Structures are given as C-alpha cells and as structure tokens.
Amino acid sequence: MAFTPLNALNAFLVVARRRSFAAAAKELGVSTSALSQSVRQLEARLGVTLLTRTTRSVALTDPGRRLVEGAGPAVDQALAALKVAAVEPGEVTGQVKLTVPFISLSHVVTPVLARYLARYPRVEVELRVEDHMVDIVAEGLDAGIRLSESLERDMVQVRLSEGFRFVVVGSPDYLKRRGVPQTPRDLLNHDCLCIRSGTTGALYQWELERGSKSWRVPVRGPLVTSSQTAMVELAEAGAGLMYSFEPDVAARVKQGSLRVVLEPYAALGDGLFLYFPSRSRVSPAFRAFVDVAREMAAERKASGATPRPGSGGPPSRGARGR
C-alpha cells in the first residue's frame, strides 16, 4: 500500500473504528503489517501517537480521538461521494449503520432488511445487535431501534410495531412442583432465569404492572444468561420461571410446554421504534431505509398483524435501566 496522507488517514480511521489492526486489514484488503506501517508513517508525519497498542487491544490517544472527530465525518462523506459518482441516475448506494436489540430481529428487522436489500442491492448495511443503549452520534451510526420509553426526546422516532406484553412463564412441571405465583412479590421465593444488564452489569429486575402500580422485582435463580435459547429450553425443562417478550414464547404457550403466570401483572411495552438525530444529515441510503420501514409498518398496522413468534434475545423493556 503506497503511502499518501489520505490513504494513511483512511487506514487509521478504519483501525480506530474497528479497534483492531487485523479486522481493519481484512476490511481494507491489505496485510496487517502493511496497515501498521501506514499508520506509523502517519504518526511520524504528524509527530504524535494516534493509537496505543497492546497484544490484545488498540485504543485511541487524545490526538487520535481529535483526529477521528475532526476528519472522520469528512472522509466518510468523501468516500460516499465517490460511490455516488459511479452510479446510474436515481440508483441508491451507500452504507447504513444500525444498532438493534435482539428482541427486534425476527419481528421487525429481518423483514424490513429483506425488502430493503432486494429493492436497493447496491446498499451495504452494517447491523450491530446489542441490548444496551448506544450513543449513535458518538459511534457514527445512522440510527437505532429500541422501545420508545428508552429513547431521548430529541430523536426523530418512527414507529415500527404496535405495543406488546412482557410475560412471566414456566413449565407445567415446575409450576406443579413449586406452585403458581399469585403476586409479584411471590417471585422472590421462586427459581428465576436471570438476565444480566449489558450496560450496568447488574441483574435485570423483572418489571410488572397492574393499573397505576408497577413493580421491579430483584429476582434470583440458578441461571444468569443473555441467551434466549438457553432460557427457553431451561424454562421448558422446569429449571425456573422466565421473563419474556410475549411473541417469543407464544408458540410454546399454545403447545402447552410453557404457561403464562401473573397475567394480570403483564407489563405492556409501547412498541419498537426506529430513532435517529433530528439534526442529522440523512444520506440517500438511509432515507430509503426509513421509507421501507415506514411502508412495512403501515402494512402491518393495516393488516392488524401482531409480531410473530421468533427467537429474539432477552427482553429490552428495561433498557432505560440498563
């Protein structure tokens, strides 16, 4: 890779975003040693250290962070402009970067992306699946999908789904053995399959409500996991009670392998929303994504369809506390 300041700058920005020379080299199609040399030449040219390197990680120095903040958006715009210059009139190209929770994958994200990518085959989508809240501006993302209650009010919000419940379920064998909880407080005497917050590291407190009252129950039990698959299988096997996005367990409740308990206390989520900064400069690729998302949300509402059962991750209702 021949050295020029712009080539080296782009190489540095990719390393800074990936936090890894190996991952950045793969993205750029060069060797790790060539990439490292390019960044070192840039550092020598500027007379500062941009990255601190260890055997396991790469981190930005203060000069490196300032360079990312100052040059990153301009380089992204320049690269996008180069792609636009090579396309046919009216053709949509570019990249869309999203952060979405596990809960949204099969219910919202997969159907929208399938239509979007079929309609705009020259667009690239980078999809980050994570339950904790993300600063989409600081991390250079176009948008995120979360429950409305966890969103900042200065964000543009596009509804993607109607409201749905979060329920507590257990297997018939477990309920026969340990009894059926009648109030939220009863959960303190049950084995519960626990979820650890991706943001705080604390165990997630199950949220229940009835009328104007609400409860956050600090449950405990034999398992702590972020795996929806593990929780469902262990709940069916009778290992404990589980707190879940209702459509994720609807099929198993219908089959009888799980039963909903504390149904009068089931918490209602307001639905999933696409959100992005109101002051952001919207690219053609992202504008097209928003149009497809709105189109499919309108179709779902018109048909009266509810989110179908799927295999999302742990519930995101408590994202505001994560």
C-alpha atoms as a PDB file:
ATOM      1  CA  MET A   1       0.000   0.000   0.000  1.00  0.00           C
ATOM      2  CA  ALA A   2       1.749   3.166  -1.222  1.00  0.00           C
ATOM      3  CA  PHE A   3       1.925   5.886   1.395  1.00  0.00           C
ATOM      4  CA  THR A   4      -0.071   9.077   0.930  1.00  0.00           C
ATOM      5  CA  PRO A   5      -1.528  11.115   3.791  1.00  0.00           C
ATOM      6  CA  LEU A   6      -5.104  10.449   2.638  1.00  0.00           C
ATOM      7  CA  ASN A   7      -4.562   6.693   2.258  1.00  0.00           C
ATOM      8  CA  ALA A   8      -2.937   6.593   5.682  1.00  0.00           C
ATOM      9  CA  LEU A   9      -5.695   8.719   7.193  1.00  0.00           C
ATOM     10  CA  ASN A  10      -8.384   6.372   5.913  1.00  0.00           C
ATOM     11  CA  ALA A  11      -6.381   3.385   7.172  1.00  0.00           C
ATOM     12  CA  PHE A  12      -6.113   4.966  10.623  1.00  0.00           C
ATOM     13  CA  LEU A  13      -9.849   5.738  10.717  1.00  0.00           C
ATOM     14  CA  VAL A  14     -10.735   2.122   9.907  1.00  0.00           C
ATOM     15  CA  VAL A  15      -8.419   0.861  12.668  1.00  0.00           C
ATOM     16  CA  ALA A  16      -9.932   3.391  15.082  1.00  0.00           C
ATOM     17  CA  ARG A  17     -13.455   2.220  14.240  1.00  0.00           C
ATOM     18  CA  ARG A  18     -12.629  -1.490  14.393  1.00  0.00           C
ATOM     19  CA  ARG A  19     -10.293  -1.206  17.409  1.00  0.00           C
ATOM     20  CA  SER A  20      -8.261  -3.925  15.707  1.00  0.00           C
ATOM     21  CA  PHE A  21      -5.499  -3.957  13.091  1.00  0.00           C
ATOM     22  CA  ALA A  22      -6.466  -7.466  11.954  1.00  0.00           C
ATOM     23  CA  ALA A  23     -10.148  -6.562  11.430  1.00  0.00           C
ATOM     24  CA  ALA A  24      -9.230  -3.286   9.710  1.00  0.00           C
ATOM     25  CA  ALA A  25      -6.729  -5.013   7.418  1.00  0.00           C
ATOM     26  CA  LYS A  26      -9.384  -7.520   6.382  1.00  0.00           C
ATOM     27  CA  GLU A  27     -11.845  -4.704   5.612  1.00  0.00           C
ATOM     28  CA  LEU A  28      -9.254  -2.799   3.558  1.00  0.00           C
ATOM     29  CA  GLY A  29      -7.887  -5.877   1.782  1.00  0.00           C
ATOM     30  CA  VAL A  30      -4.282  -5.370   2.891  1.00  0.00           C
ATOM     31  CA  SER A  31      -1.892  -7.183   5.200  1.00  0.00           C
ATOM     32  CA  THR A  32      -1.782  -6.324   8.884  1.00  0.00           C
ATOM     33  CA  SER A  33       1.898  -5.394   8.649  1.00  0.00           C
ATOM     34  CA  ALA A  34       1.278  -3.030   5.718  1.00  0.00           C
ATOM     35  CA  LEU A  35      -1.582  -1.399   7.597  1.00  0.00           C
ATOM     36  CA  SER A  36       0.506  -0.987  10.745  1.00  0.00           C
ATOM     37  CA  GLN A  37       3.315   0.565   8.721  1.00  0.00           C
ATOM     38  CA  SER A  38       0.916   3.020   7.085  1.00  0.00           C
ATOM     39  CA  VAL A  39      -0.436   4.179  10.445  1.00  0.00           C
ATOM     40  CA  ARG A  40       3.086   4.516  11.863  1.00  0.00           C
ATOM     41  CA  GLN A  41       4.068   6.651   8.862  1.00  0.00           C
ATOM     42  CA  LEU A  42       1.078   8.893   9.502  1.00  0.00           C
ATOM     43  CA  GLU A  43       2.055   9.207  13.168  1.00  0.00           C
ATOM     44  CA  ALA A  44       5.621  10.080  12.128  1.00  0.00           C
ATOM     45  CA  ARG A  45       4.336  12.664   9.645  1.00  0.00           C
ATOM     46  CA  LEU A  46       2.140  14.293  12.323  1.00  0.00           C
ATOM     47  CA  GLY A  47       4.667  13.908  15.139  1.00  0.00           C
ATOM     48  CA  VAL A  48       2.127  12.410  17.556  1.00  0.00           C
ATOM     49  CA  THR A  49       0.992   8.967  18.697  1.00  0.00           C
ATOM     50  CA  LEU A  50      -2.528   8.249  17.479  1.00  0.00           C
ATOM     51  CA  LEU A  51      -3.018   4.741  18.841  1.00  0.00           C
ATOM     52  CA  THR A  52      -1.805   2.812  21.875  1.00  0.00           C
ATOM     53  CA  ARG A  53      -1.233  -0.812  21.008  1.00  0.00           C
ATOM     54  CA  THR A  54      -1.079  -3.884  23.223  1.00  0.00           C
ATOM     55  CA  THR A  55      -1.080  -7.559  22.316  1.00  0.00           C
ATOM     56  CA  ARG A  56      -4.844  -7.652  22.897  1.00  0.00           C
ATOM     57  CA  SER A  57      -6.272  -4.247  22.109  1.00  0.00           C
ATOM     58  CA  VAL A  58      -5.971  -0.940  20.298  1.00  0.00           C
ATOM     59  CA  ALA A  59      -7.057   2.341  21.898  1.00  0.00           C
ATOM     60  CA  LEU A  60      -7.121   5.961  20.764  1.00  0.00           C
ATOM     61  CA  THR A  61      -4.839   8.560  22.325  1.00  0.00           C
ATOM     62  CA  ASP A  62      -6.143  12.109  22.799  1.00  0.00           C
ATOM     63  CA  PRO A  63      -4.602  13.275  19.466  1.00  0.00           C
ATOM     64  CA  GLY A  64      -6.073  10.189  17.801  1.00  0.00           C
ATOM     65  CA  ARG A  65      -9.526  10.930  19.207  1.00  0.00           C
ATOM     66  CA  ARG A  66      -9.340  14.526  17.975  1.00  0.00           C
ATOM     67  CA  LEU A  67      -8.338  13.328  14.511  1.00  0.00           C
ATOM     68  CA  VAL A  68     -11.260  10.887  14.384  1.00  0.00           C
ATOM     69  CA  GLU A  69     -13.720  13.586  15.461  1.00  0.00           C
ATOM     70  CA  GLY A  70     -12.336  16.145  13.022  1.00  0.00           C
ATOM     71  CA  ALA A  71     -11.591  14.051   9.961  1.00  0.00           C
ATOM     72  CA  GLY A  72     -13.896  11.032  10.265  1.00  0.00           C
ATOM     73  CA  PRO A  73     -17.135  12.647   9.013  1.00  0.00           C
ATOM     74  CA  ALA A  74     -15.351  14.395   6.131  1.00  0.00           C
ATOM     75  CA  VAL A  75     -13.664  11.201   4.946  1.00  0.00           C
ATOM     76  CA  ASP A  76     -16.956   9.298   5.173  1.00  0.00           C
ATOM     77  CA  GLN A  77     -18.654  11.966   3.060  1.00  0.00           C
ATOM     78  CA  ALA A  78     -15.830  11.909   0.506  1.00  0.00           C
ATOM     79  CA  LEU A  79     -15.996   8.113   0.165  1.00  0.00           C
ATOM     80  CA  ALA A  80     -19.784   8.268  -0.157  1.00  0.00           C
ATOM     81  CA  ALA A  81     -19.436  10.936  -2.864  1.00  0.00           C
ATOM     82  CA  LEU A  82     -17.045   8.715  -4.825  1.00  0.00           C
ATOM     83  CA  LYS A  83     -19.599   5.895  -4.757  1.00  0.00           C
ATOM     84  CA  VAL A  84     -22.412   8.197  -5.829  1.00  0.00           C
ATOM     85  CA  ALA A  85     -20.360   9.478  -8.773  1.00  0.00           C
ATOM     86  CA  ALA A  86     -20.142   5.966 -10.198  1.00  0.00           C
ATOM     87  CA  VAL A  87     -23.825   5.040 -10.066  1.00  0.00           C
ATOM     88  CA  GLU A  88     -26.646   5.411 -12.518  1.00  0.00           C
ATOM     89  CA  PRO A  89     -29.038   8.358 -12.106  1.00  0.00           C
ATOM     90  CA  GLY A  90     -31.637   7.557  -9.453  1.00  0.00           C
ATOM     91  CA  GLU A  91     -29.760   4.491  -8.164  1.00  0.00           C
ATOM     92  CA  VAL A  92     -29.313   4.339  -4.381  1.00  0.00           C
ATOM     93  CA  THR A  93     -25.917   3.350  -2.977  1.00  0.00           C
ATOM     94  CA  GLY A  94     -24.037   3.852   0.256  1.00  0.00           C
ATOM     95  CA  GLN A  95     -23.979   2.321   3.705  1.00  0.00           C
ATOM     96  CA  VAL A  96     -26.479   2.233   6.543  1.00  0.00           C
ATOM     97  CA  LYS A  97     -25.242   1.531  10.078  1.00  0.00           C
ATOM     98  CA  LEU A  98     -27.787   0.380  12.661  1.00  0.00           C
ATOM     99  CA  THR A  99     -27.883  -0.780  16.274  1.00  0.00           C
ATOM    100  CA  VAL A 100     -30.822  -3.040  17.140  1.00  0.00           C
ATOM    101  CA  PRO A 101     -31.839  -5.196  20.127  1.00  0.00           C
ATOM    102  CA  PHE A 102     -32.166  -8.974  19.864  1.00  0.00           C
ATOM    103  CA  ILE A 103     -35.864  -8.676  20.505  1.00  0.00           C
ATOM    104  CA  SER A 104     -36.412  -6.833  17.212  1.00  0.00           C
ATOM    105  CA  LEU A 105     -34.638  -9.210  14.833  1.00  0.00           C
ATOM    106  CA  SER A 106     -37.287 -11.641  13.633  1.00  0.00           C
ATOM    107  CA  HIS A 107     -40.227  -9.354  14.419  1.00  0.00           C
ATOM    108  CA  VAL A 108     -39.120  -6.188  12.644  1.00  0.00           C
ATOM    109  CA  VAL A 109     -35.528  -6.000  11.415  1.00  0.00           C
ATOM    110  CA  THR A 110     -35.284  -9.114   9.240  1.00  0.00           C
ATOM    111  CA  PRO A 111     -38.471  -8.424   7.222  1.00  0.00           C
ATOM    112  CA  VAL A 112     -37.538  -4.764   6.676  1.00  0.00           C
ATOM    113  CA  LEU A 113     -33.958  -5.568   5.654  1.00  0.00           C
ATOM    114  CA  ALA A 114     -35.079  -8.326   3.290  1.00  0.00           C
ATOM    115  CA  ARG A 115     -37.280  -5.902   1.350  1.00  0.00           C
ATOM    116  CA  TYR A 116     -34.779  -3.045   1.567  1.00  0.00           C
ATOM    117  CA  LEU A 117     -31.804  -5.055   0.265  1.00  0.00           C
ATOM    118  CA  ALA A 118     -33.891  -6.575  -2.522  1.00  0.00           C
ATOM    119  CA  ARG A 119     -35.010  -3.115  -3.609  1.00  0.00           C
ATOM    120  CA  TYR A 120     -31.579  -1.460  -3.247  1.00  0.00           C
ATOM    121  CA  PRO A 121     -28.974  -4.158  -3.956  1.00  0.00           C
ATOM    122  CA  ARG A 122     -26.022  -1.743  -4.058  1.00  0.00           C
ATOM    123  CA  VAL A 123     -26.506  -0.556  -0.482  1.00  0.00           C
ATOM    124  CA  GLU A 124     -24.461  -2.069   2.344  1.00  0.00           C
ATOM    125  CA  VAL A 125     -25.928  -2.496   5.839  1.00  0.00           C
ATOM    126  CA  GLU A 126     -23.853  -2.809   8.996  1.00  0.00           C
ATOM    127  CA  LEU A 127     -26.052  -4.321  11.714  1.00  0.00           C
ATOM    128  CA  ARG A 128     -24.993  -4.271  15.364  1.00  0.00           C
ATOM    129  CA  VAL A 129     -27.154  -6.486  17.581  1.00  0.00           C
ATOM    130  CA  GLU A 130     -26.987  -5.345  21.217  1.00  0.00           C
ATOM    131  CA  ASP A 131     -29.485  -4.744  24.005  1.00  0.00           C
ATOM    132  CA  HIS A 132     -27.786  -1.886  25.841  1.00  0.00           C
ATOM    133  CA  MET A 133     -28.325   1.739  24.858  1.00  0.00           C
ATOM    134  CA  VAL A 134     -25.858   3.175  22.360  1.00  0.00           C
ATOM    135  CA  ASP A 135     -24.856   6.779  21.612  1.00  0.00           C
ATOM    136  CA  ILE A 136     -25.477   6.573  17.871  1.00  0.00           C
ATOM    137  CA  VAL A 137     -23.983  10.017  17.219  1.00  0.00           C
ATOM    138  CA  ALA A 138     -20.722   9.316  19.052  1.00  0.00           C
ATOM    139  CA  GLU A 139     -20.349   5.900  17.430  1.00  0.00           C
ATOM    140  CA  GLY A 140     -21.044   7.060  13.886  1.00  0.00           C
ATOM    141  CA  LEU A 141     -24.292   5.131  13.418  1.00  0.00           C
ATOM    142  CA  ASP A 142     -27.225   6.237  11.294  1.00  0.00           C
ATOM    143  CA  ALA A 143     -29.968   5.003  13.595  1.00  0.00           C
ATOM    144  CA  GLY A 144     -31.080   2.534  16.206  1.00  0.00           C
ATOM    145  CA  ILE A 145     -34.163   0.523  17.109  1.00  0.00           C
ATOM    146  CA  ARG A 146     -35.370   0.422  20.713  1.00  0.00           C
ATOM    147  CA  LEU A 147     -38.531   0.621  22.825  1.00  0.00           C
ATOM    148  CA  SER A 148     -39.917   4.147  22.921  1.00  0.00           C
ATOM    149  CA  GLU A 149     -39.544   4.560  26.682  1.00  0.00           C
ATOM    150  CA  SER A 150     -35.752   4.315  26.409  1.00  0.00           C
ATOM    151  CA  LEU A 151     -35.362   6.994  23.728  1.00  0.00           C
ATOM    152  CA  GLU A 152     -34.238  10.575  24.133  1.00  0.00           C
ATOM    153  CA  ARG A 153     -36.998  13.007  23.232  1.00  0.00           C
ATOM    154  CA  ASP A 154     -34.837  14.990  20.812  1.00  0.00           C
ATOM    155  CA  MET A 155     -34.657  11.995  18.485  1.00  0.00           C
ATOM    156  CA  VAL A 156     -36.848  11.512  15.433  1.00  0.00           C
ATOM    157  CA  GLN A 157     -38.963   8.418  16.151  1.00  0.00           C
ATOM    158  CA  VAL A 158     -40.627   6.165  13.579  1.00  0.00           C
ATOM    159  CA  ARG A 159     -42.991   3.506  14.949  1.00  0.00           C
ATOM    160  CA  LEU A 160     -42.173   0.034  13.641  1.00  0.00           C
ATOM    161  CA  SER A 161     -44.550  -2.115  15.708  1.00  0.00           C
ATOM    162  CA  GLU A 162     -47.610  -1.884  17.919  1.00  0.00           C
ATOM    163  CA  GLY A 163     -47.433  -2.456  21.657  1.00  0.00           C
ATOM    164  CA  PHE A 164     -46.893  -5.910  23.160  1.00  0.00           C
ATOM    165  CA  ARG A 165     -46.673  -7.574  26.556  1.00  0.00           C
ATOM    166  CA  PHE A 166     -43.806  -8.927  28.629  1.00  0.00           C
ATOM    167  CA  VAL A 167     -44.879 -12.047  30.489  1.00  0.00           C
ATOM    168  CA  VAL A 168     -43.637 -14.500  33.102  1.00  0.00           C
ATOM    169  CA  VAL A 169     -43.795 -18.140  32.022  1.00  0.00           C
ATOM    170  CA  GLY A 170     -42.949 -21.526  33.481  1.00  0.00           C
ATOM    171  CA  SER A 171     -43.374 -25.169  32.597  1.00  0.00           C
ATOM    172  CA  PRO A 172     -46.328 -27.178  33.937  1.00  0.00           C
ATOM    173  CA  ASP A 173     -43.872 -29.440  35.795  1.00  0.00           C
ATOM    174  CA  TYR A 174     -42.171 -26.525  37.507  1.00  0.00           C
ATOM    175  CA  LEU A 175     -45.487 -24.933  38.495  1.00  0.00           C
ATOM    176  CA  LYS A 176     -46.769 -28.245  39.869  1.00  0.00           C
ATOM    177  CA  ARG A 177     -43.585 -28.679  41.895  1.00  0.00           C
ATOM    178  CA  ARG A 178     -43.128 -25.095  43.171  1.00  0.00           C
ATOM    179  CA  GLY A 179     -46.620 -23.624  42.945  1.00  0.00           C
ATOM    180  CA  VAL A 180     -48.033 -20.775  40.883  1.00  0.00           C
ATOM    181  CA  PRO A 181     -47.016 -17.233  41.928  1.00  0.00           C
ATOM    182  CA  GLN A 182     -50.037 -15.028  42.643  1.00  0.00           C
ATOM    183  CA  THR A 183     -48.356 -11.643  43.182  1.00  0.00           C
ATOM    184  CA  PRO A 184     -45.070 -10.074  42.001  1.00  0.00           C
ATOM    185  CA  ARG A 185     -43.635 -10.486  45.500  1.00  0.00           C
ATOM    186  CA  ASP A 186     -44.079 -14.274  45.216  1.00  0.00           C
ATOM    187  CA  LEU A 187     -41.316 -14.287  42.574  1.00  0.00           C
ATOM    188  CA  LEU A 188     -38.780 -13.749  45.373  1.00  0.00           C
ATOM    189  CA  ASN A 189     -39.495 -17.321  46.516  1.00  0.00           C
ATOM    190  CA  HIS A 190     -39.112 -18.864  43.053  1.00  0.00           C
ATOM    191  CA  ASP A 191     -36.216 -20.006  40.890  1.00  0.00           C
ATOM    192  CA  CYS A 192     -35.957 -17.430  38.100  1.00  0.00           C
ATOM    193  CA  LEU A 193     -33.829 -17.495  34.982  1.00  0.00           C
ATOM    194  CA  CYS A 194     -31.962 -14.201  35.236  1.00  0.00           C
ATOM    195  CA  ILE A 195     -30.695 -11.680  32.715  1.00  0.00           C
ATOM    196  CA  ARG A 196     -27.589  -9.546  33.292  1.00  0.00           C
ATOM    197  CA  SER A 197     -27.662  -5.938  32.095  1.00  0.00           C
ATOM    198  CA  GLY A 198     -25.335  -5.268  29.172  1.00  0.00           C
ATOM    199  CA  THR A 199     -24.930  -1.676  30.387  1.00  0.00           C
ATOM    200  CA  THR A 200     -24.595  -1.842  34.175  1.00  0.00           C
ATOM    201  CA  GLY A 201     -23.607  -5.474  34.721  1.00  0.00           C
ATOM    202  CA  ALA A 202     -26.376  -5.804  37.319  1.00  0.00           C
ATOM    203  CA  LEU A 203     -29.055  -8.465  37.237  1.00  0.00           C
ATOM    204  CA  TYR A 204     -32.167  -7.235  35.429  1.00  0.00           C
ATOM    205  CA  GLN A 205     -35.171  -6.662  37.681  1.00  0.00           C
ATOM    206  CA  TRP A 206     -38.383  -8.044  36.223  1.00  0.00           C
ATOM    207  CA  GLU A 207     -40.897  -5.300  35.503  1.00  0.00           C
ATOM    208  CA  LEU A 208     -44.581  -5.910  36.188  1.00  0.00           C
ATOM    209  CA  GLU A 209     -47.559  -3.590  36.395  1.00  0.00           C
ATOM    210  CA  ARG A 210     -51.249  -3.518  37.194  1.00  0.00           C
ATOM    211  CA  GLY A 211     -53.330  -0.405  36.780  1.00  0.00           C
ATOM    212  CA  SER A 212     -51.342   2.538  38.095  1.00  0.00           C
ATOM    213  CA  LYS A 213     -48.986   0.360  40.164  1.00  0.00           C
ATOM    214  CA  SER A 214     -45.696  -1.074  38.958  1.00  0.00           C
ATOM    215  CA  TRP A 215     -43.074  -3.421  40.403  1.00  0.00           C
ATOM    216  CA  ARG A 216     -39.380  -4.041  39.705  1.00  0.00           C
ATOM    217  CA  VAL A 217     -38.656  -7.411  41.274  1.00  0.00           C
ATOM    218  CA  PRO A 218     -34.992  -8.327  42.066  1.00  0.00           C
ATOM    219  CA  VAL A 219     -35.371 -11.988  41.126  1.00  0.00           C
ATOM    220  CA  ARG A 220     -32.705 -14.639  41.687  1.00  0.00           C
ATOM    221  CA  GLY A 221     -32.259 -18.182  40.455  1.00  0.00           C
ATOM    222  CA  PRO A 222     -29.998 -20.926  39.158  1.00  0.00           C
ATOM    223  CA  LEU A 223     -29.085 -19.299  35.818  1.00  0.00           C
ATOM    224  CA  VAL A 224     -27.794 -15.948  34.598  1.00  0.00           C
ATOM    225  CA  THR A 225     -27.561 -15.627  30.824  1.00  0.00           C
ATOM    226  CA  SER A 226     -28.163 -13.401  27.798  1.00  0.00           C
ATOM    227  CA  SER A 227     -29.155 -16.395  25.652  1.00  0.00           C
ATOM    228  CA  GLN A 228     -32.837 -16.571  24.793  1.00  0.00           C
ATOM    229  CA  THR A 229     -32.396 -20.124  23.524  1.00  0.00           C
ATOM    230  CA  ALA A 230     -30.901 -21.312  26.816  1.00  0.00           C
ATOM    231  CA  MET A 231     -33.632 -19.618  28.865  1.00  0.00           C
ATOM    232  CA  VAL A 232     -36.478 -21.077  26.806  1.00  0.00           C
ATOM    233  CA  GLU A 233     -35.066 -24.596  26.859  1.00  0.00           C
ATOM    234  CA  LEU A 234     -34.380 -24.498  30.593  1.00  0.00           C
ATOM    235  CA  ALA A 235     -37.798 -22.999  31.318  1.00  0.00           C
ATOM    236  CA  GLU A 236     -39.423 -25.818  29.317  1.00  0.00           C
ATOM    237  CA  ALA A 237     -37.258 -28.317  31.230  1.00  0.00           C
ATOM    238  CA  GLY A 238     -38.605 -26.978  34.528  1.00  0.00           C
ATOM    239  CA  ALA A 239     -35.459 -25.200  35.761  1.00  0.00           C
ATOM    240  CA  GLY A 240     -37.282 -21.993  36.637  1.00  0.00           C
ATOM    241  CA  LEU A 241     -39.543 -19.136  35.614  1.00  0.00           C
ATOM    242  CA  MET A 242     -38.684 -16.897  32.670  1.00  0.00           C
ATOM    243  CA  TYR A 243     -39.470 -13.258  31.787  1.00  0.00           C
ATOM    244  CA  SER A 244     -40.032 -12.837  28.064  1.00  0.00           C
ATOM    245  CA  PHE A 245     -41.290 -10.757  25.180  1.00  0.00           C
ATOM    246  CA  GLU A 246     -44.667 -12.489  24.678  1.00  0.00           C
ATOM    247  CA  PRO A 247     -44.418 -13.257  20.927  1.00  0.00           C
ATOM    248  CA  ASP A 248     -41.135 -15.105  21.597  1.00  0.00           C
ATOM    249  CA  VAL A 249     -42.918 -17.737  23.707  1.00  0.00           C
ATOM    250  CA  ALA A 250     -46.410 -17.632  22.157  1.00  0.00           C
ATOM    251  CA  ALA A 251     -45.948 -20.852  20.182  1.00  0.00           C
ATOM    252  CA  ARG A 252     -44.728 -22.757  23.242  1.00  0.00           C
ATOM    253  CA  VAL A 253     -47.597 -21.423  25.361  1.00  0.00           C
ATOM    254  CA  LYS A 254     -50.019 -22.574  22.681  1.00  0.00           C
ATOM    255  CA  GLN A 255     -48.371 -26.027  22.622  1.00  0.00           C
ATOM    256  CA  GLY A 256     -48.582 -26.243  26.405  1.00  0.00           C
ATOM    257  CA  SER A 257     -44.875 -26.613  27.170  1.00  0.00           C
ATOM    258  CA  LEU A 258     -44.984 -23.219  28.926  1.00  0.00           C
ATOM    259  CA  ARG A 259     -47.733 -21.441  30.867  1.00  0.00           C
ATOM    260  CA  VAL A 260     -48.174 -17.719  31.460  1.00  0.00           C
ATOM    261  CA  VAL A 261     -48.371 -16.788  35.148  1.00  0.00           C
ATOM    262  CA  LEU A 262     -49.089 -13.445  36.818  1.00  0.00           C
ATOM    263  CA  GLU A 263     -51.000 -12.497  33.674  1.00  0.00           C
ATOM    264  CA  PRO A 264     -52.880  -9.597  35.358  1.00  0.00           C
ATOM    265  CA  TYR A 265     -49.437  -8.069  36.032  1.00  0.00           C
ATOM    266  CA  ALA A 266     -48.045  -8.433  32.498  1.00  0.00           C
ATOM    267  CA  ALA A 267     -46.210  -5.231  31.558  1.00  0.00           C
ATOM    268  CA  LEU A 268     -47.093  -3.537  28.290  1.00  0.00           C
ATOM    269  CA  GLY A 269     -44.365  -2.188  26.024  1.00  0.00           C
ATOM    270  CA  ASP A 270     -45.218   0.721  23.740  1.00  0.00           C
ATOM    271  CA  GLY A 271     -43.631  -0.913  20.708  1.00  0.00           C
ATOM    272  CA  LEU A 272     -40.394  -0.742  18.763  1.00  0.00           C
ATOM    273  CA  PHE A 273     -39.236   2.499  17.181  1.00  0.00           C
ATOM    274  CA  LEU A 274     -36.562   3.496  14.704  1.00  0.00           C
ATOM    275  CA  TYR A 275     -34.753   6.560  16.046  1.00  0.00           C
ATOM    276  CA  PHE A 276     -32.126   8.960  14.683  1.00  0.00           C
ATOM    277  CA  PRO A 277     -30.937  12.515  15.439  1.00  0.00           C
ATOM    278  CA  SER A 278     -33.274  15.267  14.303  1.00  0.00           C
ATOM    279  CA  ARG A 279     -30.331  17.374  13.194  1.00  0.00           C
ATOM    280  CA  SER A 280     -28.532  14.640  11.276  1.00  0.00           C
ATOM    281  CA  ARG A 281     -27.775  14.864   7.584  1.00  0.00           C
ATOM    282  CA  VAL A 282     -29.724  11.952   6.140  1.00  0.00           C
ATOM    283  CA  SER A 283     -27.998  10.061   3.321  1.00  0.00           C
ATOM    284  CA  PRO A 284     -30.000   8.754   0.338  1.00  0.00           C
ATOM    285  CA  ALA A 285     -29.348   5.178   1.509  1.00  0.00           C
ATOM    286  CA  PHE A 286     -30.686   5.864   4.995  1.00  0.00           C
ATOM    287  CA  ARG A 287     -33.637   7.880   3.673  1.00  0.00           C
ATOM    288  CA  ALA A 288     -34.577   4.863   1.543  1.00  0.00           C
ATOM    289  CA  PHE A 289     -34.292   2.593   4.595  1.00  0.00           C
ATOM    290  CA  VAL A 290     -36.653   4.856   6.578  1.00  0.00           C
ATOM    291  CA  ASP A 291     -39.134   4.807   3.684  1.00  0.00           C
ATOM    292  CA  VAL A 292     -39.144   0.990   3.586  1.00  0.00           C
ATOM    293  CA  ALA A 293     -39.503   0.759   7.382  1.00  0.00           C
ATOM    294  CA  ARG A 294     -42.476   3.149   7.324  1.00  0.00           C
ATOM    295  CA  GLU A 295     -44.031   1.285   4.407  1.00  0.00           C
ATOM    296  CA  MET A 296     -43.883  -2.069   6.193  1.00  0.00           C
ATOM    297  CA  ALA A 297     -45.111  -0.612   9.488  1.00  0.00           C
ATOM    298  CA  ALA A 298     -48.141   0.806   7.684  1.00  0.00           C
ATOM    299  CA  GLU A 299     -48.817  -2.571   6.045  1.00  0.00           C
ATOM    300  CA  ARG A 300     -48.573  -4.352   9.393  1.00  0.00           C
ATOM    301  CA  LYS A 301     -50.944  -1.893  11.027  1.00  0.00           C
ATOM    302  CA  ALA A 302     -53.449  -2.127   8.146  1.00  0.00           C
ATOM    303  CA  SER A 303     -53.474  -5.920   8.312  1.00  0.00           C
ATOM    304  CA  GLY A 304     -53.837  -5.926  12.088  1.00  0.00           C
ATOM    305  CA  ALA A 305     -50.845  -8.236  12.322  1.00  0.00           C
ATOM    306  CA  THR A 306     -49.080  -8.661  15.631  1.00  0.00           C
ATOM    307  CA  PRO A 307     -45.369  -9.516  15.854  1.00  0.00           C
ATOM    308  CA  ARG A 308     -44.902 -13.176  15.073  1.00  0.00           C
ATOM    309  CA  PRO A 309     -43.122 -15.557  17.456  1.00  0.00           C
ATOM    310  CA  GLY A 310     -39.418 -15.670  16.853  1.00  0.00           C
ATOM    311  CA  SER A 311     -36.065 -16.178  18.513  1.00  0.00           C
ATOM    312  CA  GLY A 312     -35.004 -12.788  19.766  1.00  0.00           C
ATOM    313  CA  GLY A 313     -32.795 -12.241  22.790  1.00  0.00           C
ATOM    314  CA  PRO A 314     -33.582 -11.157  26.337  1.00  0.00           C
ATOM    315  CA  PRO A 315     -36.316  -8.541  26.712  1.00  0.00           C
ATOM    316  CA  SER A 316     -35.318  -4.923  26.243  1.00  0.00           C
ATOM    317  CA  ARG A 317     -38.170  -3.323  28.183  1.00  0.00           C
ATOM    318  CA  GLY A 318     -35.756  -2.281  30.909  1.00  0.00           C
ATOM    319  CA  ALA A 319     -33.294  -0.668  28.532  1.00  0.00           C
ATOM    320  CA  ARG A 320     -33.761   2.631  30.380  1.00  0.00           C
ATOM    321  CA  GLY A 321     -32.235   0.993  33.437  1.00  0.00           C
ATOM    322  CA  ARG A 322     -29.524  -0.930  31.712  1.00  0.00           C
END
